[in-house]
Protein backbone atom coordinates (compact mmCIF):
# COMPACT_ATOMS: atom_id res chain seq x y z
CA MET A 1 -3.59 16.83 -1.99
CA ASN A 2 -2.71 16.34 1.65
CA ARG A 3 -0.20 13.92 2.90
CA ASN A 4 -2.69 11.02 3.75
CA GLU A 5 -4.34 11.25 0.29
CA THR A 6 -0.83 11.09 -1.44
CA ILE A 7 0.08 8.11 0.63
CA ARG A 8 -3.10 6.33 -0.21
CA ALA A 9 -2.77 7.27 -3.89
CA PHE A 10 0.86 5.92 -3.92
CA VAL A 11 -0.23 2.46 -2.32
CA LEU A 12 -3.18 2.23 -4.80
CA ASN A 13 -1.00 2.99 -7.77
CA ALA A 14 1.87 0.72 -6.56
CA TYR A 15 -0.68 -2.28 -6.11
CA LEU A 16 -2.20 -1.70 -9.45
CA LYS A 17 1.08 -1.84 -11.41
CA ASN A 18 1.66 -5.50 -10.52
CA PHE A 19 -1.29 -6.51 -8.36
CA GLN A 20 0.88 -7.36 -5.47
CA ALA A 21 0.66 -6.09 -1.92
CA VAL A 22 3.06 -3.15 -1.21
CA PHE A 23 5.45 -3.48 1.74
CA VAL A 24 4.92 -0.97 4.52
CA ALA A 25 8.81 -0.44 4.71
CA ASP A 26 8.64 0.88 1.11
CA VAL A 27 5.91 3.33 1.97
CA MET A 28 7.82 4.56 4.83
CA LYS A 29 10.93 4.96 3.00
CA GLU A 30 9.18 6.95 0.17
CA PHE A 31 7.51 9.33 2.65
CA SER A 32 10.09 9.25 5.31
CA THR A 33 7.57 8.58 7.90
CA SER A 34 6.63 5.79 10.45
CA ALA A 35 4.59 2.57 10.26
CA VAL A 36 2.01 4.22 12.65
CA ALA A 37 1.80 7.22 10.19
CA VAL A 38 1.30 4.93 7.31
CA ARG A 39 -1.51 2.93 9.17
CA ASN A 40 -3.36 6.17 10.15
CA ALA A 41 -3.11 7.49 6.58
CA LEU A 42 -4.54 4.47 5.17
CA GLY A 43 -7.22 4.02 7.62
CA TYR A 44 -8.95 0.88 8.84
CA ASP A 45 -11.69 0.23 6.21
CA ASP A 46 -10.16 0.54 2.68
CA PHE A 47 -6.92 -1.17 2.87
CA LEU A 48 -5.84 -4.70 4.10
CA PHE A 49 -2.79 -5.26 6.16
CA GLU A 50 -1.09 -8.68 5.92
CA GLN A 51 2.33 -10.18 6.11
CA ASP A 52 4.34 -11.48 3.23
CA SER A 53 7.79 -12.86 2.76
CA ARG A 54 10.51 -10.44 1.56
CA TRP A 55 14.16 -10.81 0.99
CA SER A 56 16.22 -9.00 3.57
CA GLY A 57 20.22 -8.65 3.61
CA GLY A 58 22.87 -9.12 0.96
CA ASN A 59 23.07 -11.86 -1.70
CA LEU A 60 25.10 -14.31 0.11
CA THR A 61 23.96 -13.40 3.75
CA GLY A 62 20.29 -12.52 3.15
CA LYS A 63 17.16 -14.48 4.05
CA TYR A 64 13.56 -14.23 3.61
CA VAL A 65 11.53 -12.61 6.46
CA LEU A 66 7.87 -11.82 7.08
CA ALA A 67 7.24 -8.23 6.52
CA PRO A 68 4.05 -6.09 6.89
CA CYS A 69 2.48 -5.11 3.67
CA VAL A 70 -0.77 -3.65 2.58
CA GLU A 71 -3.25 -3.75 -0.39
CA PRO A 72 -6.46 -1.82 -1.23
CA ASN A 73 -9.47 -4.07 -0.70
CA LYS A 74 -11.70 -4.86 -3.57
CA ILE A 75 -14.58 -2.91 -2.55
CA TYR A 76 -12.34 0.26 -2.30
CA ILE A 77 -11.28 -0.30 -5.88
CA ALA A 78 -14.83 -0.86 -6.97
CA LYS A 79 -15.94 2.45 -5.40
CA LEU A 80 -13.14 4.31 -7.17
CA LEU A 81 -14.05 2.79 -10.38
CA LYS A 82 -17.78 3.45 -9.95
CA GLY A 83 -16.97 7.19 -9.21
CA VAL A 84 -14.77 7.43 -12.22
CA TYR A 85 -17.27 5.94 -14.51
CA ALA A 86 -19.98 7.89 -13.03
CA LYS A 87 -18.23 11.13 -13.78
CA THR A 88 -17.70 10.21 -17.56
CA ASP A 89 -21.56 9.69 -18.28
């Protein structure tokens, strides 16, 4: 599995754990890479990039900020499921 496939699998698995978008900063930290590399790895068709609020800073001095996040689109998930179930028949 190459790096791009690993990043795609990481985002998909993280999303499926709690059905919430994955922050790009978390992906960057996990793979020690840049936002551009994450964007290129995920492509332009199968993942949706949005912004969501996220806590930033310490307990007393922190605040909510808008941060880029990503989630797989529903058609991509359906294609994966279709492929998995086609292989088991």
